[in-house]
Amino acid sequence: MNKMLLSVAAITGLLHSAALAAETSLQIEIAATGDFQRHVMTYDCATETPLTVTYINAAPNFLAVVPVPEEDEELIFASVVSASGASYASGRWLWSTKGTEASLQDTTLGDEAEPVLTCSELSNAP
């Protein structure tokens, strides 16, 4: 069995606690039945800068690290059941991908609400 040490601090940066005024880091070890993969994808979301998302696939765990504009730190999303494509959830947020398209939804706004972000994958080719 392969093991992957996921350094959340390295992926998401240092977490800050205003109450303690100290830097904190966290490491999570994920046991994987096979090899794990890390993919970094860049998306055009019609924002000032492109959105860079890191996908970590370590079956049976599938994660996405997404910089949500309304949040101070990047969030770690875990895969959830999806009718088509792939979906990942973190708290109130839902990140969904299908082909080269992606979207971010605030689930507190209801099922019929427009996505907060609608994105298209940028080509990594020079």
Protein backbone atom coordinates (compact mmCIF):
# COMPACT_ATOMS: atom_id res chain seq x y z
CA MET A 1 0.00 0.00 0.00
CA ASN A 2 1.41 3.39 -0.98
CA LYS A 3 1.20 6.26 1.43
CA MET A 4 1.09 9.90 0.51
CA LEU A 5 1.93 12.63 2.98
CA LEU A 6 -0.23 15.58 2.08
CA SER A 7 1.22 18.77 3.44
CA VAL A 8 -1.78 21.02 3.65
CA ALA A 9 0.46 23.90 4.66
CA ALA A 10 2.48 23.45 1.48
CA ILE A 11 -0.64 23.27 -0.66
CA THR A 12 -2.80 25.89 0.94
CA GLY A 13 -0.22 28.14 2.59
CA LEU A 14 0.03 28.92 6.25
CA LEU A 15 -3.15 29.19 8.26
CA HIS A 16 -3.44 32.23 10.46
CA SER A 17 -5.18 32.46 13.79
CA ALA A 18 -6.03 36.01 14.75
CA ALA A 19 -6.76 34.96 18.32
CA LEU A 20 -3.37 33.25 18.77
CA ALA A 21 -1.39 35.41 16.33
CA ALA A 22 0.68 32.31 15.49
CA GLU A 23 1.38 30.37 12.32
CA THR A 24 -0.04 26.85 12.14
CA SER A 25 0.54 24.04 9.71
CA LEU A 26 -1.13 20.68 9.23
CA GLN A 27 -0.07 17.44 7.55
CA ILE A 28 -2.44 14.66 6.56
CA GLU A 29 -1.27 11.17 5.63
CA ILE A 30 -3.47 9.42 3.07
CA ALA A 31 -3.10 5.70 2.47
CA ALA A 32 -3.62 4.86 -1.20
CA THR A 33 -4.17 1.44 -2.74
CA GLY A 34 -2.21 2.45 -5.86
CA ASP A 35 -0.19 5.31 -7.21
CA PHE A 36 -1.37 8.84 -6.59
CA GLN A 37 -1.46 11.67 -9.08
CA ARG A 38 -1.26 15.42 -8.71
CA HIS A 39 -2.59 17.61 -11.53
CA VAL A 40 -2.46 21.40 -11.61
CA MET A 41 -5.02 23.00 -13.91
CA THR A 42 -5.47 26.66 -14.77
CA TYR A 43 -8.89 28.10 -15.58
CA ASP A 44 -10.10 31.33 -17.16
CA CYS A 45 -13.03 32.43 -14.99
CA ALA A 46 -13.43 35.96 -16.42
CA THR A 47 -11.67 37.30 -13.34
CA GLU A 48 -8.60 39.53 -13.05
CA THR A 49 -6.27 36.53 -12.81
CA PRO A 50 -6.68 32.89 -13.86
CA LEU A 51 -7.70 30.35 -11.22
CA THR A 52 -5.19 27.56 -10.50
CA VAL A 53 -6.66 24.35 -9.03
CA THR A 54 -4.66 21.37 -7.77
CA TYR A 55 -6.24 17.92 -8.07
CA ILE A 56 -4.93 15.08 -5.90
CA ASN A 57 -6.06 11.61 -6.94
CA ALA A 58 -5.15 8.88 -4.44
CA ALA A 59 -7.89 6.25 -4.78
CA PRO A 60 -10.22 6.07 -2.98
CA ASN A 61 -9.59 9.74 -2.07
CA PHE A 62 -10.01 12.45 -4.69
CA LEU A 63 -9.35 16.04 -3.63
CA ALA A 64 -9.24 19.48 -5.22
CA VAL A 65 -7.50 22.52 -3.71
CA VAL A 66 -9.39 25.58 -4.93
CA PRO A 67 -8.69 29.28 -4.28
CA VAL A 68 -12.23 30.53 -3.63
CA PRO A 69 -12.34 34.32 -4.15
CA GLU A 70 -14.60 34.94 -1.12
CA GLU A 71 -12.32 32.99 1.25
CA ASP A 72 -9.03 34.09 2.85
CA GLU A 73 -7.28 30.75 2.25
CA GLU A 74 -7.47 28.07 -0.43
CA LEU A 75 -9.98 25.36 0.46
CA ILE A 76 -9.61 21.59 0.23
CA PHE A 77 -12.57 20.00 -1.54
CA ALA A 78 -13.43 16.27 -1.37
CA SER A 79 -15.12 14.44 -4.24
CA VAL A 80 -18.87 13.86 -3.99
CA VAL A 81 -21.35 11.93 -6.14
CA SER A 82 -22.01 13.64 -9.45
CA ALA A 83 -24.49 12.86 -12.23
CA SER A 84 -21.83 13.66 -14.82
CA GLY A 85 -18.31 15.05 -14.70
CA ALA A 86 -16.71 15.46 -11.28
CA SER A 87 -17.88 17.42 -8.24
CA TYR A 88 -16.04 18.35 -5.08
CA ALA A 89 -17.47 19.91 -1.91
CA SER A 90 -15.99 22.06 0.84
CA GLY A 91 -18.41 23.51 3.37
CA ARG A 92 -20.94 25.63 1.45
CA TRP A 93 -18.96 25.46 -1.80
CA LEU A 94 -19.33 23.05 -4.73
CA TRP A 95 -16.63 22.88 -7.45
CA SER A 96 -17.80 20.97 -10.55
CA THR A 97 -15.94 20.02 -13.71
CA LYS A 98 -17.05 18.44 -16.97
CA GLY A 99 -14.59 18.23 -19.83
CA THR A 100 -12.78 21.57 -20.03
CA GLU A 101 -15.50 23.52 -18.19
CA ALA A 102 -15.73 24.17 -14.44
CA SER A 103 -17.96 26.11 -12.06
CA LEU A 104 -18.08 27.17 -8.44
CA GLN A 105 -21.42 27.30 -6.66
CA ASP A 106 -22.42 28.63 -3.26
CA THR A 107 -24.88 25.93 -2.12
CA THR A 108 -26.47 28.29 0.43
CA LEU A 109 -27.99 30.23 -2.49
CA GLY A 110 -30.12 27.25 -3.58
CA ASP A 111 -30.06 24.73 -6.42
CA GLU A 112 -31.32 27.21 -9.04
CA ALA A 113 -28.74 29.94 -8.26
CA GLU A 114 -26.22 30.92 -10.93
CA PRO A 115 -22.63 29.78 -10.30
CA VAL A 116 -20.34 32.24 -8.53
CA LEU A 117 -17.70 31.39 -11.16
CA THR A 118 -17.98 29.81 -14.59
CA CYS A 119 -14.60 28.76 -15.97
CA SER A 120 -12.87 27.28 -19.01
CA GLU A 121 -9.64 25.31 -18.79
CA LEU A 122 -6.65 27.13 -20.24
CA SER A 123 -4.31 25.12 -22.44
CA ASN A 124 -0.95 24.39 -20.79
CA ALA A 125 0.71 24.13 -24.22
CA PRO A 126 3.22 26.88 -25.11
